[in-house]
Amino acid sequence: MIIMKKQFIYEKKRAVVLLFLTITASLTWYVSKKNTINEAMHNLDLPDSGFSLDEAKINITNQTGQLMISILAEKAYEEPLNRVLNLDNIYIEYMTDNQNTWLLTAKSGQISEDKTNILLSGSVTLKNQSESNQYPNKVTANELSLQIQNSLVNSENLVRVYFKDGSLETKGIEMDLTKGNLILKSEVYGKFNP
């Protein structure tokens, strides 16, 4: 009977020690797991993370809330470190202050963080929706930059400009979409009907 009592006490002590070790191990695991998760969340730095949208529609207004630009993009994704918004397969409707509408299409583009510039690249086309002969009908290039607030389009690359009565090619262009001013920078070649 004494042997059974000693064995019972031994088993009880063993169970208490095992329970204590299990609790200690569980707490250690929990604390280390919690620290690992906290470190991972800190390393993710979520406030600087970006986002992406499929089939995005972006509207940009002026200071009075009037719609200036309506952008449709197959995909829009942010690059927080570069502070730009990238766009794929873009269609832009740009309304100037004088109620003239221009349509722009491109394979890709970037909107600056301050939303003042849009850099378009890859088969860029700019079309005038006005019936006026004051403006070119169409401009094509591999790269164009649109300054939203100034209504200026410019490029340093080869640009083709189409008018009702002809067309021209130039290396570099600056064009005011509101006033219709067109500056051809260099290597200009044109072909017009008499």
N, C-alpha and C. Protein backbone atom coordinates (compact mmCIF):
# COMPACT_ATOMS: atom_id res chain seq x y z
N MET A 1 0.80 -1.17 0.00
CA MET A 1 0.00 0.00 0.00
C MET A 1 0.86 1.26 0.00
N ILE A 2 1.94 1.24 0.73
CA ILE A 2 2.86 2.38 0.76
C ILE A 2 3.48 2.57 -0.61
N ILE A 3 3.77 1.50 -1.26
CA ILE A 3 4.37 1.59 -2.60
C ILE A 3 3.36 2.21 -3.56
N MET A 4 2.10 1.83 -3.43
CA MET A 4 1.08 2.40 -4.30
C MET A 4 0.88 3.88 -4.02
N LYS A 5 0.97 4.25 -2.73
CA LYS A 5 0.82 5.64 -2.37
C LYS A 5 1.96 6.45 -2.95
N LYS A 6 3.20 5.94 -2.84
CA LYS A 6 4.37 6.63 -3.38
C LYS A 6 4.26 6.74 -4.90
N GLN A 7 3.79 5.69 -5.51
CA GLN A 7 3.64 5.71 -6.97
C GLN A 7 2.58 6.72 -7.39
N PHE A 8 1.50 6.82 -6.61
CA PHE A 8 0.45 7.79 -6.90
C PHE A 8 0.98 9.21 -6.77
N ILE A 9 1.75 9.48 -5.71
CA ILE A 9 2.35 10.81 -5.51
C ILE A 9 3.33 11.10 -6.65
N TYR A 10 4.11 10.11 -7.02
CA TYR A 10 5.07 10.28 -8.12
C TYR A 10 4.34 10.62 -9.42
N GLU A 11 3.25 9.90 -9.72
CA GLU A 11 2.46 10.16 -10.93
C GLU A 11 1.84 11.55 -10.88
N LYS A 12 1.38 11.98 -9.70
CA LYS A 12 0.77 13.28 -9.54
C LYS A 12 1.81 14.38 -9.80
N LYS A 13 3.01 14.22 -9.21
CA LYS A 13 4.09 15.20 -9.43
C LYS A 13 4.47 15.25 -10.91
N ARG A 14 4.54 14.09 -11.49
CA ARG A 14 4.90 14.01 -12.91
C ARG A 14 3.86 14.72 -13.78
N ALA A 15 2.58 14.55 -13.47
CA ALA A 15 1.50 15.20 -14.21
C ALA A 15 1.57 16.72 -14.04
N VAL A 16 1.87 17.19 -12.81
CA VAL A 16 1.98 18.63 -12.54
C VAL A 16 3.16 19.21 -13.31
N VAL A 17 4.31 18.53 -13.30
CA VAL A 17 5.50 19.00 -14.03
C VAL A 17 5.21 19.02 -15.53
N LEU A 18 4.58 17.97 -16.03
CA LEU A 18 4.24 17.90 -17.45
C LEU A 18 3.27 19.03 -17.82
N LEU A 19 2.28 19.27 -16.97
CA LEU A 19 1.33 20.36 -17.21
C LEU A 19 2.06 21.70 -17.20
N PHE A 20 2.96 21.91 -16.24
CA PHE A 20 3.73 23.15 -16.15
C PHE A 20 4.59 23.34 -17.40
N LEU A 21 5.27 22.29 -17.86
CA LEU A 21 6.10 22.38 -19.07
C LEU A 21 5.25 22.67 -20.31
N THR A 22 4.07 22.05 -20.39
CA THR A 22 3.18 22.29 -21.53
C THR A 22 2.71 23.74 -21.55
N ILE A 23 2.33 24.26 -20.39
CA ILE A 23 1.89 25.66 -20.31
C ILE A 23 3.03 26.60 -20.67
N THR A 24 4.23 26.34 -20.17
CA THR A 24 5.40 27.17 -20.47
C THR A 24 5.72 27.13 -21.96
N ALA A 25 5.70 25.95 -22.55
CA ALA A 25 5.99 25.82 -23.98
C ALA A 25 4.93 26.54 -24.81
N SER A 26 3.67 26.41 -24.41
CA SER A 26 2.59 27.07 -25.15
C SER A 26 2.72 28.59 -25.08
N LEU A 27 3.00 29.10 -23.89
CA LEU A 27 3.18 30.55 -23.75
C LEU A 27 4.37 31.05 -24.56
N THR A 28 5.46 30.31 -24.52
CA THR A 28 6.65 30.68 -25.30
C THR A 28 6.32 30.70 -26.78
N TRP A 29 5.63 29.68 -27.25
CA TRP A 29 5.24 29.63 -28.67
C TRP A 29 4.34 30.81 -29.03
N TYR A 30 3.34 31.09 -28.18
CA TYR A 30 2.39 32.17 -28.45
C TYR A 30 3.11 33.53 -28.52
N VAL A 31 3.98 33.80 -27.56
CA VAL A 31 4.70 35.08 -27.54
C VAL A 31 5.60 35.20 -28.76
N SER A 32 6.31 34.13 -29.11
CA SER A 32 7.19 34.21 -30.28
C SER A 32 6.38 34.37 -31.57
N LYS A 33 5.23 33.71 -31.66
CA LYS A 33 4.37 33.83 -32.84
C LYS A 33 3.83 35.25 -32.95
N LYS A 34 3.42 35.82 -31.82
CA LYS A 34 2.89 37.18 -31.80
C LYS A 34 3.98 38.16 -32.24
N ASN A 35 5.20 37.99 -31.75
CA ASN A 35 6.31 38.86 -32.15
C ASN A 35 6.62 38.71 -33.63
N THR A 36 6.56 37.48 -34.15
CA THR A 36 6.81 37.24 -35.57
C THR A 36 5.76 37.95 -36.42
N ILE A 37 4.51 37.87 -36.02
CA ILE A 37 3.43 38.54 -36.75
C ILE A 37 3.62 40.05 -36.69
N ASN A 38 3.95 40.57 -35.49
CA ASN A 38 4.17 42.02 -35.36
C ASN A 38 5.33 42.48 -36.23
N GLU A 39 6.42 41.70 -36.25
CA GLU A 39 7.56 42.04 -37.10
C GLU A 39 7.17 42.01 -38.57
N ALA A 40 6.42 41.01 -38.97
CA ALA A 40 5.99 40.91 -40.37
C ALA A 40 5.11 42.09 -40.75
N MET A 41 4.19 42.47 -39.88
CA MET A 41 3.32 43.62 -40.16
C MET A 41 4.15 44.89 -40.24
N HIS A 42 5.13 45.02 -39.35
CA HIS A 42 6.00 46.21 -39.38
C HIS A 42 6.83 46.23 -40.66
N ASN A 43 7.33 45.07 -41.08
CA ASN A 43 8.12 45.00 -42.31
C ASN A 43 7.28 45.25 -43.55
N LEU A 44 5.99 44.92 -43.51
CA LEU A 44 5.13 45.19 -44.65
C LEU A 44 4.95 46.69 -44.88
N ASP A 45 4.99 47.47 -43.79
CA ASP A 45 4.86 48.91 -43.87
C ASP A 45 3.64 49.28 -44.71
N LEU A 46 2.49 48.83 -44.30
CA LEU A 46 1.25 48.98 -45.05
C LEU A 46 0.92 50.39 -45.52
N PRO A 47 1.23 51.46 -44.77
CA PRO A 47 0.89 52.78 -45.29
C PRO A 47 1.57 53.10 -46.62
N ASP A 48 2.71 52.49 -46.93
CA ASP A 48 3.40 52.74 -48.19
C ASP A 48 3.07 51.70 -49.26
N SER A 49 2.14 50.81 -48.97
CA SER A 49 1.82 49.79 -49.96
C SER A 49 0.96 50.40 -51.06
N GLY A 50 0.95 49.75 -52.21
CA GLY A 50 0.19 50.27 -53.35
C GLY A 50 -1.12 49.52 -53.53
N PHE A 51 -1.79 49.84 -54.61
CA PHE A 51 -3.04 49.18 -54.93
C PHE A 51 -3.13 49.00 -56.43
N SER A 52 -4.06 48.17 -56.87
CA SER A 52 -4.32 48.05 -58.30
C SER A 52 -5.81 47.89 -58.51
N LEU A 53 -6.27 48.39 -59.66
CA LEU A 53 -7.68 48.31 -60.02
C LEU A 53 -7.78 47.78 -61.43
N ASP A 54 -8.70 46.87 -61.67
CA ASP A 54 -8.99 46.41 -63.02
C ASP A 54 -10.18 47.20 -63.54
N GLU A 55 -10.14 47.53 -64.84
CA GLU A 55 -11.20 48.30 -65.47
C GLU A 55 -11.52 49.55 -64.65
N ALA A 56 -10.50 50.40 -64.50
CA ALA A 56 -10.62 51.59 -63.67
C ALA A 56 -11.16 52.78 -64.45
N LYS A 57 -11.96 53.59 -63.79
CA LYS A 57 -12.41 54.87 -64.33
C LYS A 57 -12.00 55.93 -63.33
N ILE A 58 -11.23 56.90 -63.81
CA ILE A 58 -10.71 57.97 -62.96
C ILE A 58 -11.19 59.29 -63.53
N ASN A 59 -11.81 60.12 -62.70
CA ASN A 59 -12.23 61.45 -63.10
C ASN A 59 -11.40 62.47 -62.34
N ILE A 60 -10.87 63.45 -63.06
CA ILE A 60 -10.09 64.52 -62.44
C ILE A 60 -10.84 65.82 -62.71
N THR A 61 -11.08 66.59 -61.64
CA THR A 61 -11.81 67.84 -61.76
C THR A 61 -10.88 69.02 -61.51
N ASN A 62 -11.33 70.21 -61.92
CA ASN A 62 -10.56 71.41 -61.61
C ASN A 62 -10.93 71.88 -60.20
N GLN A 63 -10.46 73.07 -59.82
CA GLN A 63 -10.68 73.56 -58.46
C GLN A 63 -12.14 73.85 -58.16
N THR A 64 -12.93 74.11 -59.19
CA THR A 64 -14.35 74.39 -58.98
C THR A 64 -15.21 73.12 -59.04
N GLY A 65 -14.56 71.99 -59.28
CA GLY A 65 -15.29 70.72 -59.34
C GLY A 65 -15.75 70.33 -60.73
N GLN A 66 -15.42 71.15 -61.73
CA GLN A 66 -15.81 70.84 -63.12
C GLN A 66 -14.92 69.72 -63.66
N LEU A 67 -15.53 68.75 -64.31
CA LEU A 67 -14.80 67.62 -64.87
C LEU A 67 -13.85 68.09 -65.97
N MET A 68 -12.57 67.74 -65.83
CA MET A 68 -11.57 68.08 -66.84
C MET A 68 -11.16 66.85 -67.63
N ILE A 69 -10.97 65.75 -66.90
CA ILE A 69 -10.46 64.54 -67.53
C ILE A 69 -11.24 63.33 -67.03
N SER A 70 -11.59 62.48 -67.97
CA SER A 70 -12.18 61.20 -67.65
C SER A 70 -11.26 60.14 -68.25
N ILE A 71 -10.73 59.27 -67.41
CA ILE A 71 -9.76 58.27 -67.84
C ILE A 71 -10.35 56.88 -67.64
N LEU A 72 -10.31 56.08 -68.69
CA LEU A 72 -10.65 54.67 -68.59
C LEU A 72 -9.37 53.88 -68.82
N ALA A 73 -9.09 52.94 -67.95
CA ALA A 73 -7.88 52.13 -68.09
C ALA A 73 -8.22 50.67 -67.80
N GLU A 74 -7.63 49.79 -68.60
CA GLU A 74 -7.83 48.36 -68.37
C GLU A 74 -7.32 47.99 -66.98
N LYS A 75 -6.21 48.64 -66.58
CA LYS A 75 -5.65 48.39 -65.25
C LYS A 75 -4.98 49.67 -64.76
N ALA A 76 -5.15 49.97 -63.49
CA ALA A 76 -4.47 51.09 -62.84
C ALA A 76 -3.78 50.54 -61.60
N TYR A 77 -2.51 50.85 -61.44
CA TYR A 77 -1.79 50.36 -60.27
C TYR A 77 -0.79 51.40 -59.80
N GLU A 78 -0.70 51.50 -58.48
CA GLU A 78 0.11 52.53 -57.85
C GLU A 78 1.52 52.04 -57.58
N GLU A 79 2.49 52.94 -57.76
CA GLU A 79 3.88 52.71 -57.33
C GLU A 79 4.17 53.73 -56.24
N PRO A 80 3.97 53.37 -54.97
CA PRO A 80 4.11 54.34 -53.89
C PRO A 80 5.52 54.93 -53.77
N LEU A 81 6.54 54.13 -54.03
CA LEU A 81 7.90 54.64 -53.90
C LEU A 81 8.20 55.69 -54.96
N ASN A 82 7.68 55.53 -56.17
CA ASN A 82 7.90 56.51 -57.24
C ASN A 82 6.82 57.58 -57.26
N ARG A 83 5.78 57.39 -56.44
CA ARG A 83 4.67 58.34 -56.32
C ARG A 83 3.97 58.60 -57.65
N VAL A 84 3.68 57.52 -58.36
CA VAL A 84 2.95 57.61 -59.63
C VAL A 84 1.85 56.56 -59.67
N LEU A 85 0.89 56.82 -60.53
CA LEU A 85 -0.17 55.86 -60.80
C LEU A 85 0.01 55.40 -62.23
N ASN A 86 0.28 54.11 -62.43
CA ASN A 86 0.47 53.54 -63.77
C ASN A 86 -0.86 53.10 -64.34
N LEU A 87 -0.99 53.24 -65.65
CA LEU A 87 -2.22 52.87 -66.34
C LEU A 87 -1.88 52.01 -67.55
N ASP A 88 -2.70 51.02 -67.83
CA ASP A 88 -2.54 50.16 -69.01
C ASP A 88 -3.76 50.31 -69.91
N ASN A 89 -3.50 50.35 -71.24
CA ASN A 89 -4.56 50.46 -72.24
C ASN A 89 -5.55 51.57 -71.88
N ILE A 90 -5.12 52.79 -72.16
CA ILE A 90 -5.80 53.99 -71.69
C ILE A 90 -6.67 54.63 -72.76
N TYR A 91 -7.79 55.17 -72.31
CA TYR A 91 -8.66 56.01 -73.13
C TYR A 91 -8.97 57.24 -72.27
N ILE A 92 -8.61 58.43 -72.77
CA ILE A 92 -8.79 59.66 -72.00
C ILE A 92 -9.67 60.63 -72.79
N GLU A 93 -10.62 61.21 -72.10
CA GLU A 93 -11.43 62.29 -72.64
C GLU A 93 -11.03 63.54 -71.87
N TYR A 94 -10.43 64.52 -72.59
CA TYR A 94 -9.90 65.72 -71.95
C TYR A 94 -10.70 66.93 -72.42
N MET A 95 -11.31 67.65 -71.47
CA MET A 95 -12.11 68.83 -71.80
C MET A 95 -11.33 70.08 -71.42
N THR A 96 -11.11 70.97 -72.40
CA THR A 96 -10.38 72.21 -72.13
C THR A 96 -11.34 73.27 -71.61
N ASP A 97 -10.77 74.39 -71.16
CA ASP A 97 -11.58 75.49 -70.63
C ASP A 97 -12.53 76.08 -71.67
N ASN A 98 -12.14 76.00 -72.95
CA ASN A 98 -12.99 76.57 -74.01
C ASN A 98 -13.97 75.52 -74.57
N GLN A 99 -14.24 74.49 -73.79
CA GLN A 99 -15.22 73.45 -74.13
C GLN A 99 -14.83 72.60 -75.33
N ASN A 100 -13.56 72.58 -75.69
CA ASN A 100 -13.08 71.71 -76.75
C ASN A 100 -12.72 70.36 -76.12
N THR A 101 -13.06 69.27 -76.78
CA THR A 101 -12.78 67.94 -76.24
C THR A 101 -11.74 67.23 -77.10
N TRP A 102 -10.77 66.64 -76.42
CA TRP A 102 -9.71 65.87 -77.07
C TRP A 102 -9.78 64.44 -76.54
N LEU A 103 -9.58 63.47 -77.42
CA LEU A 103 -9.53 62.06 -77.02
C LEU A 103 -8.10 61.58 -77.17
N LEU A 104 -7.60 60.93 -76.14
CA LEU A 104 -6.25 60.37 -76.16
C LEU A 104 -6.33 58.88 -75.89
N THR A 105 -5.55 58.11 -76.63
CA THR A 105 -5.43 56.68 -76.36
C THR A 105 -3.95 56.33 -76.32
N ALA A 106 -3.61 55.32 -75.53
CA ALA A 106 -2.22 54.88 -75.43
C ALA A 106 -2.18 53.49 -74.80
N LYS A 107 -1.07 52.80 -75.02
CA LYS A 107 -0.91 51.47 -74.41
C LYS A 107 -0.65 51.58 -72.92
N SER A 108 0.08 52.64 -72.51
CA SER A 108 0.36 52.80 -71.08
C SER A 108 0.54 54.27 -70.74
N GLY A 109 0.54 54.55 -69.45
CA GLY A 109 0.72 55.92 -69.01
C GLY A 109 0.99 55.99 -67.52
N GLN A 110 1.39 57.19 -67.09
CA GLN A 110 1.64 57.44 -65.68
C GLN A 110 1.05 58.80 -65.31
N ILE A 111 0.34 58.83 -64.20
CA ILE A 111 -0.17 60.09 -63.66
C ILE A 111 0.72 60.45 -62.48
N SER A 112 1.25 61.68 -62.48
CA SER A 112 2.10 62.12 -61.39
C SER A 112 1.29 62.24 -60.10
N GLU A 113 1.99 62.22 -58.97
CA GLU A 113 1.32 62.26 -57.67
C GLU A 113 0.46 63.51 -57.52
N ASP A 114 0.93 64.64 -58.03
CA ASP A 114 0.18 65.88 -57.90
C ASP A 114 -0.92 66.03 -58.95
N LYS A 115 -1.08 65.02 -59.79
CA LYS A 115 -2.12 64.96 -60.83
C LYS A 115 -2.03 66.11 -61.83
N THR A 116 -0.83 66.65 -62.06
CA THR A 116 -0.67 67.74 -63.02
C THR A 116 -0.15 67.24 -64.36
N ASN A 117 0.47 66.07 -64.40
CA ASN A 117 1.04 65.54 -65.64
C ASN A 117 0.61 64.10 -65.87
N ILE A 118 0.36 63.80 -67.14
CA ILE A 118 0.12 62.42 -67.54
C ILE A 118 1.10 62.12 -68.66
N LEU A 119 1.96 61.14 -68.45
CA LEU A 119 2.92 60.71 -69.47
C LEU A 119 2.33 59.48 -70.16
N LEU A 120 2.10 59.60 -71.47
CA LEU A 120 1.51 58.51 -72.25
C LEU A 120 2.58 57.91 -73.14
N SER A 121 2.55 56.59 -73.31
CA SER A 121 3.53 55.94 -74.18
C SER A 121 2.92 54.73 -74.87
N GLY A 122 3.49 54.41 -76.03
CA GLY A 122 3.04 53.26 -76.80
C GLY A 122 1.83 53.55 -77.65
N SER A 123 2.03 53.80 -78.92
CA SER A 123 0.94 54.07 -79.88
C SER A 123 -0.03 55.13 -79.36
N VAL A 124 0.51 56.28 -79.04
CA VAL A 124 -0.30 57.38 -78.51
C VAL A 124 -1.02 58.09 -79.65
N THR A 125 -2.31 58.32 -79.49
CA THR A 125 -3.12 59.06 -80.46
C THR A 125 -3.89 60.14 -79.72
N LEU A 126 -3.84 61.35 -80.28
CA LEU A 126 -4.58 62.49 -79.76
C LEU A 126 -5.51 62.96 -80.87
N LYS A 127 -6.82 62.93 -80.62
CA LYS A 127 -7.80 63.32 -81.64
C LYS A 127 -8.61 64.51 -81.16
N ASN A 128 -8.82 65.45 -82.06
CA ASN A 128 -9.63 66.61 -81.78
C ASN A 128 -11.08 66.31 -82.13
N GLN A 129 -11.99 66.55 -81.21
CA GLN A 129 -13.40 66.30 -81.46
C GLN A 129 -14.12 67.52 -82.04
N SER A 130 -13.40 68.64 -82.17
CA SER A 130 -13.99 69.87 -82.69
C SER A 130 -14.08 69.83 -84.21
N GLU A 131 -15.05 70.52 -84.75
CA GLU A 131 -15.20 70.62 -86.21
C GLU A 131 -14.33 71.75 -86.76
N SER A 132 -13.69 72.51 -85.89
CA SER A 132 -12.91 73.68 -86.30
C SER A 132 -11.65 73.27 -87.06
N ASN A 133 -11.27 74.07 -88.03
CA ASN A 133 -10.01 73.85 -88.76
C ASN A 133 -8.84 74.50 -88.04
N GLN A 134 -9.13 75.14 -86.91
CA GLN A 134 -8.09 75.82 -86.14
C GLN A 134 -7.09 74.82 -85.55
N TYR A 135 -7.52 73.63 -85.27
CA TYR A 135 -6.69 72.63 -84.59
C TYR A 135 -6.34 71.49 -85.54
N PRO A 136 -5.25 70.77 -85.22
CA PRO A 136 -4.99 69.53 -85.96
C PRO A 136 -6.11 68.53 -85.68
N ASN A 137 -6.38 67.66 -86.66
CA ASN A 137 -7.40 66.63 -86.48
C ASN A 137 -6.89 65.50 -85.59
N LYS A 138 -5.59 65.18 -85.76
CA LYS A 138 -5.04 64.02 -85.06
C LYS A 138 -3.54 64.20 -84.90
N VAL A 139 -3.01 63.70 -83.78
CA VAL A 139 -1.57 63.68 -83.52
C VAL A 139 -1.24 62.26 -83.07
N THR A 140 -0.17 61.69 -83.65
CA THR A 140 0.27 60.36 -83.22
C THR A 140 1.74 60.43 -82.82
N ALA A 141 2.11 59.62 -81.85
CA ALA A 141 3.49 59.58 -81.36
C ALA A 141 3.68 58.31 -80.56
N ASN A 142 4.92 58.03 -80.23
CA ASN A 142 5.20 56.91 -79.34
C ASN A 142 5.16 57.36 -77.88
N GLU A 143 5.30 58.69 -77.67
CA GLU A 143 5.27 59.21 -76.31
C GLU A 143 4.79 60.66 -76.33
N LEU A 144 3.87 60.99 -75.46
CA LEU A 144 3.37 62.36 -75.29
C LEU A 144 3.18 62.63 -73.81
N SER A 145 3.39 63.87 -73.44
CA SER A 145 3.14 64.30 -72.07
C SER A 145 2.02 65.33 -72.08
N LEU A 146 1.05 65.17 -71.20
CA LEU A 146 -0.07 66.10 -71.09
C LEU A 146 0.02 66.82 -69.75
N GLN A 147 0.17 68.15 -69.80
CA GLN A 147 0.14 68.97 -68.60
C GLN A 147 -1.31 69.42 -68.42
N ILE A 148 -1.97 68.87 -67.44
CA ILE A 148 -3.41 69.02 -67.29
C ILE A 148 -3.83 70.47 -67.06
N GLN A 149 -3.22 71.14 -66.10
CA GLN A 149 -3.65 72.50 -65.75
C GLN A 149 -3.41 73.51 -66.87
N ASN A 150 -2.34 73.32 -67.65
CA ASN A 150 -1.99 74.27 -68.72
C ASN A 150 -2.57 73.88 -70.07
N SER A 151 -3.16 72.72 -70.18
CA SER A 151 -3.67 72.18 -71.46
C SER A 151 -2.56 72.08 -72.50
N LEU A 152 -1.37 71.69 -72.08
CA LEU A 152 -0.23 71.57 -72.98
C LEU A 152 0.11 70.11 -73.23
N VAL A 153 0.40 69.81 -74.48
CA VAL A 153 0.90 68.49 -74.88
C VAL A 153 2.29 68.71 -75.43
N ASN A 154 3.24 67.87 -75.02
CA ASN A 154 4.57 67.99 -75.61
C ASN A 154 5.25 66.64 -75.72
N SER A 155 6.26 66.61 -76.59
CA SER A 155 7.06 65.41 -76.81
C SER A 155 8.38 65.84 -77.40
N GLU A 156 9.41 65.09 -77.14
CA GLU A 156 10.72 65.32 -77.74
C GLU A 156 11.00 64.29 -78.83
N ASN A 157 10.09 63.37 -79.03
CA ASN A 157 10.26 62.28 -80.00
C ASN A 157 9.56 62.60 -81.32
N LEU A 158 9.63 61.65 -82.25
CA LEU A 158 8.97 61.80 -83.55
C LEU A 158 7.45 61.86 -83.35
N VAL A 159 6.84 62.87 -83.98
CA VAL A 159 5.40 63.09 -83.86
C VAL A 159 4.84 63.31 -85.26
N ARG A 160 3.68 62.75 -85.52
CA ARG A 160 2.96 62.99 -86.78
C ARG A 160 1.71 63.81 -86.45
N VAL A 161 1.53 64.90 -87.22
CA VAL A 161 0.40 65.80 -87.00
C VAL A 161 -0.44 65.81 -88.28
N TYR A 162 -1.73 65.52 -88.15
CA TYR A 162 -2.63 65.44 -89.30
C TYR A 162 -3.62 66.60 -89.25
N PHE A 163 -3.74 67.28 -90.39
CA PHE A 163 -4.71 68.36 -90.56
C PHE A 163 -5.72 67.93 -91.62
N LYS A 164 -6.73 68.75 -91.83
CA LYS A 164 -7.74 68.45 -92.84
C LYS A 164 -7.12 68.36 -94.24
N ASP A 165 -6.13 69.23 -94.52
CA ASP A 165 -5.55 69.30 -95.86
C ASP A 165 -4.15 68.72 -95.98
N GLY A 166 -3.68 67.98 -94.99
CA GLY A 166 -2.34 67.41 -95.09
C GLY A 166 -1.82 66.94 -93.75
N SER A 167 -0.52 66.66 -93.73
CA SER A 167 0.10 66.17 -92.51
C SER A 167 1.56 66.59 -92.46
N LEU A 168 2.15 66.46 -91.30
CA LEU A 168 3.57 66.73 -91.17
C LEU A 168 4.16 65.85 -90.09
N GLU A 169 5.48 65.69 -90.17
CA GLU A 169 6.24 64.96 -89.16
C GLU A 169 7.24 65.92 -88.57
N THR A 170 7.49 65.77 -87.30
CA THR A 170 8.46 66.62 -86.63
C THR A 170 9.08 65.85 -85.46
N LYS A 171 10.28 66.23 -85.14
CA LYS A 171 10.91 65.67 -83.94
C LYS A 171 10.71 66.69 -82.84
N GLY A 172 9.76 66.44 -82.00
CA GLY A 172 9.44 67.34 -80.90
C GLY A 172 8.29 68.26 -81.24
N ILE A 173 7.40 68.41 -80.27
CA ILE A 173 6.21 69.24 -80.45
C ILE A 173 5.80 69.82 -79.11
N GLU A 174 5.20 70.99 -79.17
CA GLU A 174 4.51 71.57 -78.02
C GLU A 174 3.22 72.16 -78.55
N MET A 175 2.12 71.80 -77.93
CA MET A 175 0.82 72.22 -78.45
C MET A 175 -0.10 72.63 -77.31
N ASP A 176 -0.70 73.80 -77.44
CA ASP A 176 -1.68 74.29 -76.48
C ASP A 176 -3.06 73.84 -76.95
N LEU A 177 -3.71 72.97 -76.22
CA LEU A 177 -4.99 72.41 -76.64
C LEU A 177 -6.14 73.40 -76.53
N THR A 178 -5.97 74.46 -75.76
CA THR A 178 -7.02 75.47 -75.64
C THR A 178 -6.91 76.53 -76.73
N LYS A 179 -5.70 77.06 -76.93
CA LYS A 179 -5.50 78.16 -77.88
C LYS A 179 -5.21 77.68 -79.30
N GLY A 180 -4.79 76.45 -79.43
CA GLY A 180 -4.47 75.93 -80.76
C GLY A 180 -3.06 76.24 -81.22
N ASN A 181 -2.23 76.81 -80.34
CA ASN A 181 -0.84 77.10 -80.71
C ASN A 181 -0.07 75.80 -80.86
N LEU A 182 0.69 75.71 -81.95
CA LEU A 182 1.46 74.51 -82.26
C LEU A 182 2.90 74.90 -82.52
N ILE A 183 3.82 74.37 -81.73
CA ILE A 183 5.24 74.64 -81.92
C ILE A 183 5.90 73.35 -82.37
N LEU A 184 6.53 73.39 -83.54
CA LEU A 184 7.26 72.25 -84.08
C LEU A 184 8.73 72.48 -83.76
N LYS A 185 9.40 71.52 -83.14
CA LYS A 185 10.73 71.77 -82.60
C LYS A 185 11.86 71.58 -83.61
N SER A 186 11.92 70.46 -84.32
CA SER A 186 13.01 70.27 -85.28
C SER A 186 12.66 69.18 -86.28
N GLU A 187 13.46 69.11 -87.36
CA GLU A 187 13.30 68.09 -88.40
C GLU A 187 11.86 67.99 -88.89
N VAL A 188 11.34 69.10 -89.37
CA VAL A 188 9.94 69.18 -89.81
C VAL A 188 9.84 68.81 -91.28
N TYR A 189 8.91 67.92 -91.59
CA TYR A 189 8.63 67.54 -92.97
C TYR A 189 7.12 67.52 -93.12
N GLY A 190 6.60 68.24 -94.12
CA GLY A 190 5.15 68.30 -94.28
C GLY A 190 4.69 68.03 -95.69
N LYS A 191 3.44 67.64 -95.81
CA LYS A 191 2.82 67.36 -97.10
C LYS A 191 1.38 67.86 -97.03
N PHE A 192 1.06 68.88 -97.86
CA PHE A 192 -0.27 69.48 -97.83
C PHE A 192 -0.85 69.56 -99.22
N ASN A 193 -2.15 69.43 -99.32
CA ASN A 193 -2.85 69.57 -100.59
C ASN A 193 -3.02 71.06 -100.90
N PRO A 194 -2.86 71.44 -102.19
CA PRO A 194 -3.01 72.86 -102.55
C PRO A 194 -4.46 73.32 -102.45
